[in-house]
């Protein structure tokens, strides 16, 4: 099990600390830095500790930033893997690898093993998160997707982008700009990953892993994904993703249109795309009428037209899913966080990640070839 943070937040050295950290500032830098989270010694703070001002940064969850690689490309990774297999001697070890080299190396080693439940999930969060909020979200995601045996996920890549830490509606505009910048950084990461695959799998001595990689984007995290897709050229897209789950996406309901040049590229990237909508989503209703010039949101209204992609794009209506896990005022009124608050939504997500045929996923009523409604089992 491994959880990585990929962040384009500023790097800071907090007073009294000896390690570099990610900043809570609402400011993005051009490139992602990578950190690995540490869980063996992690202990959940009691309620009184959560309220203290010092419950921040590594007091929430410890992590270590990877060094930057001394040179670009993945030849050093190849040399280390060859050496470990006894195919070619090298003075390099894993400790010499930095950044994406180290992360891709570790994931390749893990995913090439015979373990079950070893998939990788790339998670992109929504708006109103500072870095401390992101660390708390990582703990929640680990409990949901790694600790639960119903999930095939064994590793998480958490995309940390500098959304505002405030839920005041005006901050949405700042988040919109940050999401666009972060999407461009994510595009660079995608190309790094494509290069890694080409370098590694062009060699017959290194076997491809047998696990899957999924993308899960919530709310405005879909705008980060959209920005990445804008920047990708069709001819450079490799189908390296299995499932893409768009949870309550805060983007236009027209994003699958050819003229949008964004989500219409997802079928080139992934085997299957699932759009989770809630027609009572209050947060997306506010987004539509106060910040997006009355443009209906994908996560509230569903896509305007997916006929071209109906074989790979599914719409799952979660309007009637009960909030039986988390039912505070925020969840009951917002109807925006079903993946955290509803066991029905979670059950559907797990089956999707396992690749179950969409018509055989239980707990659904089939409305049409690619439209489903979650119903009580």
Protein backbone atom coordinates (compact mmCIF):
# COMPACT_ATOMS: atom_id res chain seq x y z
CA UNK A 1 0.00 0.00 0.00
CA UNK A 2 1.28 3.44 -0.92
CA UNK A 3 -0.27 6.90 -0.93
CA UNK A 4 1.43 9.74 -2.80
CA UNK A 5 0.71 13.45 -2.85
CA UNK A 6 1.25 15.22 -6.17
CA UNK A 7 1.05 18.94 -5.48
CA UNK A 8 1.73 22.20 -7.29
CA UNK A 9 1.51 24.13 -4.02
CA UNK A 10 4.48 26.20 -2.87
CA UNK A 11 7.20 24.49 -0.84
CA UNK A 12 7.84 26.13 2.54
CA UNK A 13 9.88 25.45 5.68
CA UNK A 14 7.63 26.09 8.69
CA UNK A 15 9.11 27.72 11.78
CA UNK A 16 10.82 25.21 14.03
CA UNK A 17 10.72 22.39 11.43
CA UNK A 18 13.65 20.69 9.69
CA UNK A 19 11.69 19.36 6.71
CA UNK A 20 10.19 21.07 3.67
CA UNK A 21 6.40 21.13 3.58
CA UNK A 22 3.58 22.05 1.25
CA UNK A 23 2.02 25.44 1.88
CA UNK A 24 -1.60 26.24 2.70
CA UNK A 25 -1.31 29.34 0.51
CA UNK A 26 -3.76 29.70 -2.37
CA UNK A 27 -0.97 29.90 -4.92
CA UNK A 28 0.10 27.41 -7.58
CA UNK A 29 3.53 26.79 -9.11
CA UNK A 30 4.12 25.41 -12.62
CA UNK A 31 5.15 21.86 -11.69
CA UNK A 32 4.06 19.13 -9.31
CA UNK A 33 6.27 17.97 -6.46
CA UNK A 34 5.75 14.50 -5.08
CA UNK A 35 5.56 13.29 -1.50
CA UNK A 36 4.90 9.90 0.05
CA UNK A 37 2.63 9.55 3.07
CA UNK A 38 3.59 7.50 6.13
CA UNK A 39 0.91 5.52 7.98
CA UNK A 40 2.58 2.89 10.26
CA UNK A 41 2.87 5.28 13.21
CA UNK A 42 -0.22 7.31 12.42
CA UNK A 43 -2.74 7.74 15.21
CA UNK A 44 -6.11 9.43 14.85
CA UNK A 45 -6.29 12.54 17.05
CA UNK A 46 -9.07 12.71 19.62
CA UNK A 47 -11.77 15.37 19.17
CA UNK A 48 -10.08 17.80 21.55
CA UNK A 49 -6.80 17.56 19.63
CA UNK A 50 -8.58 18.22 16.31
CA UNK A 51 -9.73 21.60 17.61
CA UNK A 52 -6.26 22.78 18.60
CA UNK A 53 -4.40 25.20 16.37
CA UNK A 54 -1.40 22.88 16.17
CA UNK A 55 -3.42 20.14 14.45
CA UNK A 56 -1.91 21.09 11.12
CA UNK A 57 0.47 19.73 8.50
CA UNK A 58 2.45 16.71 9.78
CA UNK A 59 0.45 16.60 13.01
CA UNK A 60 -2.39 15.44 10.77
CA UNK A 61 -0.40 13.05 8.55
CA UNK A 62 3.36 12.62 8.11
CA UNK A 63 4.85 12.70 4.61
CA UNK A 64 8.25 13.01 2.93
CA UNK A 65 8.94 15.03 -0.21
CA UNK A 66 10.89 13.22 -2.90
CA UNK A 67 14.02 14.91 -4.17
CA UNK A 68 14.04 16.22 -7.72
CA UNK A 69 15.78 13.89 -10.22
CA UNK A 70 19.27 14.89 -11.32
CA UNK A 71 18.40 14.21 -14.95
CA UNK A 72 15.20 13.81 -16.93
CA UNK A 73 13.89 10.58 -18.41
CA UNK A 74 13.69 7.06 -17.00
CA UNK A 75 16.94 5.41 -18.04
CA UNK A 76 18.03 5.40 -14.39
CA UNK A 77 14.86 3.51 -13.49
CA UNK A 78 15.67 0.95 -16.18
CA UNK A 79 19.18 0.57 -14.82
CA UNK A 80 17.90 -0.04 -11.29
CA UNK A 81 15.30 -2.59 -12.46
CA UNK A 82 17.89 -4.39 -14.61
CA UNK A 83 20.27 -4.54 -11.68
CA UNK A 84 17.59 -5.90 -9.36
CA UNK A 85 16.76 -8.63 -11.89
CA UNK A 86 20.45 -9.51 -12.28
CA UNK A 87 20.39 -8.62 -15.97
CA UNK A 88 22.93 -5.82 -15.92
CA UNK A 89 25.12 -4.43 -13.13
CA UNK A 90 24.60 -0.84 -12.02
CA UNK A 91 25.85 1.35 -9.20
CA UNK A 92 22.43 2.97 -9.01
CA UNK A 93 19.81 1.98 -6.43
CA UNK A 94 16.26 3.14 -5.76
CA UNK A 95 17.65 5.75 -3.38
CA UNK A 96 19.20 7.55 -6.36
CA UNK A 97 15.79 8.09 -7.98
CA UNK A 98 13.76 11.25 -7.45
CA UNK A 99 10.38 12.73 -8.33
CA UNK A 100 8.31 10.76 -10.82
CA UNK A 101 11.21 8.34 -11.28
CA UNK A 102 10.91 7.18 -7.68
CA UNK A 103 7.11 7.09 -7.69
CA UNK A 104 6.80 5.21 -10.99
CA UNK A 105 9.53 2.80 -9.91
CA UNK A 106 7.77 2.00 -6.63
CA UNK A 107 4.37 1.62 -8.28
CA UNK A 108 5.79 -0.63 -10.98
CA UNK A 109 7.35 -2.86 -8.33
CA UNK A 110 4.12 -2.99 -6.33
CA UNK A 111 1.78 -3.51 -9.27
CA UNK A 112 4.00 -6.21 -10.77
CA UNK A 113 3.61 -8.35 -7.68
CA UNK A 114 1.04 -11.11 -7.32
CA UNK A 115 -1.01 -9.19 -4.77
CA UNK A 116 -4.74 -8.84 -5.19
CA UNK A 117 -6.47 -5.47 -4.78
CA UNK A 118 -3.46 -3.63 -6.15
CA UNK A 119 -5.00 -1.01 -8.45
CA UNK A 120 -3.98 2.66 -8.43
CA UNK A 121 -6.53 5.44 -8.00
CA UNK A 122 -5.73 9.02 -9.05
CA UNK A 123 -8.02 11.26 -6.99
CA UNK A 124 -8.69 14.96 -7.79
CA UNK A 125 -10.50 16.85 -5.03
CA UNK A 126 -13.03 19.68 -5.37
CA UNK A 127 -13.01 23.32 -4.23
CA UNK A 128 -12.59 24.84 -0.74
CA UNK A 129 -9.61 22.73 0.37
CA UNK A 130 -6.45 24.08 1.94
CA UNK A 131 -3.53 21.66 2.33
CA UNK A 132 -4.53 20.65 5.87
CA UNK A 133 -7.99 19.78 4.53
CA UNK A 134 -6.32 17.69 1.83
CA UNK A 135 -4.38 15.68 4.42
CA UNK A 136 -7.62 14.94 6.27
CA UNK A 137 -9.22 13.96 2.96
CA UNK A 138 -6.35 11.55 2.27
CA UNK A 139 -7.05 9.78 5.57
CA UNK A 140 -10.73 9.47 4.61
CA UNK A 141 -9.86 8.13 1.16
CA UNK A 142 -7.47 5.56 2.60
CA UNK A 143 -10.19 4.27 4.93
CA UNK A 144 -12.70 4.15 2.08
CA UNK A 145 -10.69 2.79 -0.84
CA UNK A 146 -7.67 0.97 0.62
CA UNK A 147 -8.82 -0.34 3.99
CA UNK A 148 -12.16 -1.63 2.65
CA UNK A 149 -11.95 -5.12 1.15
CA UNK A 150 -14.81 -4.28 -1.24
CA UNK A 151 -12.45 -1.96 -3.12
CA UNK A 152 -9.74 -3.11 -5.58
CA UNK A 153 -7.62 -0.03 -4.83
CA UNK A 154 -4.24 -0.59 -3.22
CA UNK A 155 -2.58 2.76 -3.92
CA UNK A 156 -3.70 6.39 -4.15
CA UNK A 157 -2.20 9.31 -6.05
CA UNK A 158 -3.79 12.36 -4.48
CA UNK A 159 -3.73 15.43 -6.73
CA UNK A 160 -3.26 18.41 -4.41
CA UNK A 161 -4.12 21.71 -6.07
CA UNK A 162 -4.38 25.05 -4.25
CA UNK A 163 -8.11 25.53 -3.93
CA UNK A 164 -9.32 28.19 -1.54
CA UNK A 165 -9.71 27.13 2.07
CA UNK A 166 -12.92 29.15 2.33
CA UNK A 167 -16.43 28.10 1.37
CA UNK A 168 -17.44 31.73 0.73
CA UNK A 169 -18.93 31.70 -2.83
CA UNK A 170 -16.64 34.45 -4.14
CA UNK A 171 -13.62 32.20 -3.59
CA UNK A 172 -14.99 29.97 -6.32
CA UNK A 173 -13.56 32.29 -8.97
CA UNK A 174 -10.05 31.93 -7.52
CA UNK A 175 -10.47 28.16 -7.48
CA UNK A 176 -11.56 28.25 -11.10
CA UNK A 177 -8.26 29.90 -12.12
CA UNK A 178 -6.21 27.57 -9.90
CA UNK A 179 -7.92 24.52 -11.38
CA UNK A 180 -6.95 25.62 -14.90
CA UNK A 181 -3.29 26.09 -13.90
CA UNK A 182 -3.27 22.75 -12.10
CA UNK A 183 -4.74 20.98 -15.12
CA UNK A 184 -1.81 22.16 -17.22
CA UNK A 185 0.59 20.74 -14.62
CA UNK A 186 -1.35 17.47 -14.63
CA UNK A 187 -0.99 17.31 -18.41
CA UNK A 188 2.81 17.38 -18.01
CA UNK A 189 2.55 14.53 -15.52
CA UNK A 190 0.50 12.50 -18.01
CA UNK A 191 3.19 12.92 -20.63
CA UNK A 192 5.85 11.86 -18.11
CA UNK A 193 3.81 8.73 -17.41
CA UNK A 194 3.43 8.00 -21.13
CA UNK A 195 7.19 8.35 -21.55
CA UNK A 196 7.78 5.99 -18.62
CA UNK A 197 5.51 3.35 -20.18
CA UNK A 198 7.28 3.61 -23.51
CA UNK A 199 10.73 3.39 -21.91
CA UNK A 200 9.83 0.47 -19.65
CA UNK A 201 7.62 -1.65 -21.85
CA UNK A 202 9.68 -1.29 -24.99
CA UNK A 203 12.04 -3.69 -23.22
CA UNK A 204 11.18 -7.40 -23.33
CA UNK A 205 12.92 -8.13 -20.05
CA UNK A 206 10.40 -6.06 -18.06
CA UNK A 207 6.89 -7.45 -17.89
CA UNK A 208 3.87 -5.14 -17.83
CA UNK A 209 1.96 -5.11 -14.56
CA UNK A 210 -1.47 -6.73 -14.45
CA UNK A 211 -3.28 -4.08 -12.41
CA UNK A 212 -5.38 -1.09 -13.38
CA UNK A 213 -5.19 2.67 -12.99
CA UNK A 214 -8.36 4.70 -12.38
CA UNK A 215 -9.15 8.42 -12.25
CA UNK A 216 -11.71 9.71 -9.75
CA UNK A 217 -12.56 13.43 -9.84
CA UNK A 218 -15.01 15.16 -7.49
CA UNK A 219 -16.82 18.47 -8.05
CA UNK A 220 -14.42 21.14 -9.33
CA UNK A 221 -11.67 18.54 -9.53
CA UNK A 222 -13.36 17.80 -12.85
CA UNK A 223 -12.29 21.25 -14.01
CA UNK A 224 -8.67 20.27 -13.30
CA UNK A 225 -9.25 17.16 -15.40
CA UNK A 226 -10.91 19.26 -18.10
CA UNK A 227 -7.95 21.63 -18.23
CA UNK A 228 -5.62 18.66 -18.66
CA UNK A 229 -7.77 17.31 -21.50
CA UNK A 230 -7.80 20.69 -23.25
CA UNK A 231 -4.01 20.49 -23.46
CA UNK A 232 -3.75 16.89 -24.69
CA UNK A 233 -3.41 16.23 -28.38
CA UNK A 234 -5.56 13.35 -29.62
CA UNK A 235 -2.64 11.70 -31.39
CA UNK A 236 -0.62 11.66 -28.14
CA UNK A 237 -3.27 10.04 -25.94
CA UNK A 238 -2.67 6.45 -24.84
CA UNK A 239 -5.47 4.35 -23.34
CA UNK A 240 -3.74 3.82 -20.02
CA UNK A 241 -6.74 4.31 -17.70
CA UNK A 242 -9.34 1.67 -16.91
CA UNK A 243 -12.19 3.49 -15.11
CA UNK A 244 -12.87 7.24 -14.93
CA UNK A 245 -15.42 8.21 -12.27
CA UNK A 246 -16.78 11.76 -12.45
CA UNK A 247 -18.42 12.45 -9.08
CA UNK A 248 -20.88 15.38 -8.95
CA UNK A 249 -18.77 17.11 -11.63
CA UNK A 250 -18.86 20.91 -11.54
CA UNK A 251 -18.38 21.47 -15.26
CA UNK A 252 -20.79 22.32 -18.06
CA UNK A 253 -23.26 19.65 -19.13
CA UNK A 254 -21.93 20.12 -22.67
CA UNK A 255 -18.38 18.91 -21.97
CA UNK A 256 -18.78 15.77 -24.09
CA UNK A 257 -19.62 17.87 -27.15
CA UNK A 258 -17.02 17.89 -29.92
CA UNK A 259 -16.77 21.68 -29.77
CA UNK A 260 -15.70 21.56 -26.12
CA UNK A 261 -12.47 19.67 -26.95
CA UNK A 262 -12.22 18.21 -23.45
CA UNK A 263 -14.26 15.28 -22.12
CA UNK A 264 -14.83 13.97 -25.65
CA UNK A 265 -11.19 12.83 -25.38
CA UNK A 266 -11.87 10.60 -22.35
CA UNK A 267 -12.90 7.57 -24.48
CA UNK A 268 -9.41 7.73 -26.01
CA UNK A 269 -7.87 7.69 -22.54
CA UNK A 270 -10.04 5.20 -20.61
CA UNK A 271 -11.97 1.97 -21.05
CA UNK A 272 -15.08 3.25 -19.27
CA UNK A 273 -16.40 6.59 -17.98
CA UNK A 274 -19.11 6.89 -15.31
CA UNK A 275 -20.85 10.19 -14.51
CA UNK A 276 -22.42 10.29 -11.03
CA UNK A 277 -25.21 12.89 -10.86
CA UNK A 278 -27.58 14.09 -8.15
CA UNK A 279 -30.51 16.21 -9.33
CA UNK A 280 -30.90 17.65 -5.82
CA UNK A 281 -27.25 18.80 -5.62
CA UNK A 282 -27.55 22.18 -3.88
CA UNK A 283 -23.88 23.06 -4.30
CA UNK A 284 -24.03 22.65 -8.07
CA UNK A 285 -27.30 24.61 -8.11
CA UNK A 286 -25.50 27.51 -6.47
CA UNK A 287 -22.62 27.11 -8.91
CA UNK A 288 -24.98 27.25 -11.87
CA UNK A 289 -26.91 30.34 -10.83
CA UNK A 290 -24.16 32.43 -9.23
CA UNK A 291 -20.89 31.59 -10.93
CA UNK A 292 -21.45 29.93 -14.31
CA UNK A 293 -23.87 32.23 -16.14
CA UNK A 294 -26.81 29.82 -15.80
CA UNK A 295 -24.92 26.97 -17.49
CA UNK A 296 -26.36 23.66 -16.20
CA UNK A 297 -23.79 21.54 -14.38
CA UNK A 298 -22.87 18.03 -15.48
CA UNK A 299 -23.19 16.63 -11.94
CA UNK A 300 -26.75 17.95 -11.51
CA UNK A 301 -28.27 17.63 -14.98
CA UNK A 302 -26.20 14.93 -16.60
CA UNK A 303 -24.60 15.32 -20.05
CA UNK A 304 -26.63 16.96 -22.79
CA UNK A 305 -25.78 14.22 -25.30
CA UNK A 306 -23.57 11.12 -25.13
CA UNK A 307 -24.98 9.15 -28.06
CA UNK A 308 -21.53 9.01 -29.69
CA UNK A 309 -20.04 7.49 -26.54
CA UNK A 310 -22.94 5.49 -25.08
CA UNK A 311 -20.96 2.26 -25.26
CA UNK A 312 -18.33 3.59 -22.82
CA UNK A 313 -20.05 6.49 -20.99
CA UNK A 314 -22.61 5.70 -18.27
CA UNK A 315 -24.78 8.11 -16.27
CA UNK A 316 -25.64 7.04 -12.71
CA UNK A 317 -28.43 9.01 -11.01
CA UNK A 318 -27.80 9.11 -7.25
CA UNK A 319 -30.70 11.44 -6.39
CA UNK A 320 -32.47 8.81 -4.29
CA UNK A 321 -29.36 7.44 -2.55
CA UNK A 322 -29.72 7.76 1.21
CA UNK A 323 -27.02 9.50 3.29
CA UNK A 324 -26.78 6.65 5.78
CA UNK A 325 -23.06 7.02 6.66
CA UNK A 326 -22.70 10.78 7.08
CA UNK A 327 -25.96 12.66 7.57
CA UNK A 328 -25.03 16.03 9.05
CA UNK A 329 -26.61 19.23 7.74
CA UNK A 330 -23.78 19.63 5.21
CA UNK A 331 -24.44 16.26 3.58
CA UNK A 332 -28.24 16.22 3.84
CA UNK A 333 -28.69 19.68 2.38
CA UNK A 334 -25.71 19.75 0.00
CA UNK A 335 -26.33 16.37 -1.70
CA UNK A 336 -22.84 16.83 -3.12
CA UNK A 337 -20.64 14.24 -1.35
CA UNK A 338 -22.43 10.94 -1.98
CA UNK A 339 -19.16 9.03 -2.28
CA UNK A 340 -18.52 9.80 1.40
CA UNK A 341 -22.07 9.89 2.80
CA UNK A 342 -23.96 7.05 1.09
CA UNK A 343 -23.30 3.31 1.25
CA UNK A 344 -25.36 2.90 -1.94
CA UNK A 345 -23.04 5.22 -3.86
CA UNK A 346 -19.95 3.58 -2.38
CA UNK A 347 -21.20 0.10 -3.29
CA UNK A 348 -21.76 1.23 -6.89
CA UNK A 349 -18.31 2.84 -7.07
CA UNK A 350 -16.57 -0.32 -5.83
CA UNK A 351 -18.30 -2.47 -8.44
CA UNK A 352 -17.37 0.05 -11.13
CA UNK A 353 -13.72 -0.03 -10.08
CA UNK A 354 -13.75 -3.83 -10.26
CA UNK A 355 -14.91 -3.50 -13.87
CA UNK A 356 -18.24 -5.26 -13.38
CA UNK A 357 -20.39 -5.03 -16.51
CA UNK A 358 -22.55 -1.95 -16.05
CA UNK A 359 -25.76 -3.89 -16.66
CA UNK A 360 -24.83 -6.41 -13.95
CA UNK A 361 -24.02 -3.94 -11.15
CA UNK A 362 -26.62 -4.60 -8.46
CA UNK A 363 -28.45 -1.76 -6.78
CA UNK A 364 -29.21 -0.09 -10.13
CA UNK A 365 -32.35 0.31 -12.20
CA UNK A 366 -31.65 0.49 -15.92
CA UNK A 367 -33.40 3.44 -17.57
CA UNK A 368 -31.79 3.09 -20.99
CA UNK A 369 -28.68 1.56 -22.54
CA UNK A 370 -26.30 3.81 -20.58
CA UNK A 371 -28.49 5.56 -17.95
CA UNK A 372 -29.08 4.05 -14.52
CA UNK A 373 -30.71 5.04 -11.22
CA UNK A 374 -29.46 3.86 -7.84
CA UNK A 375 -32.24 2.12 -5.92
CA UNK A 376 -32.51 0.42 -2.55
CA UNK A 377 -31.31 -3.19 -2.62
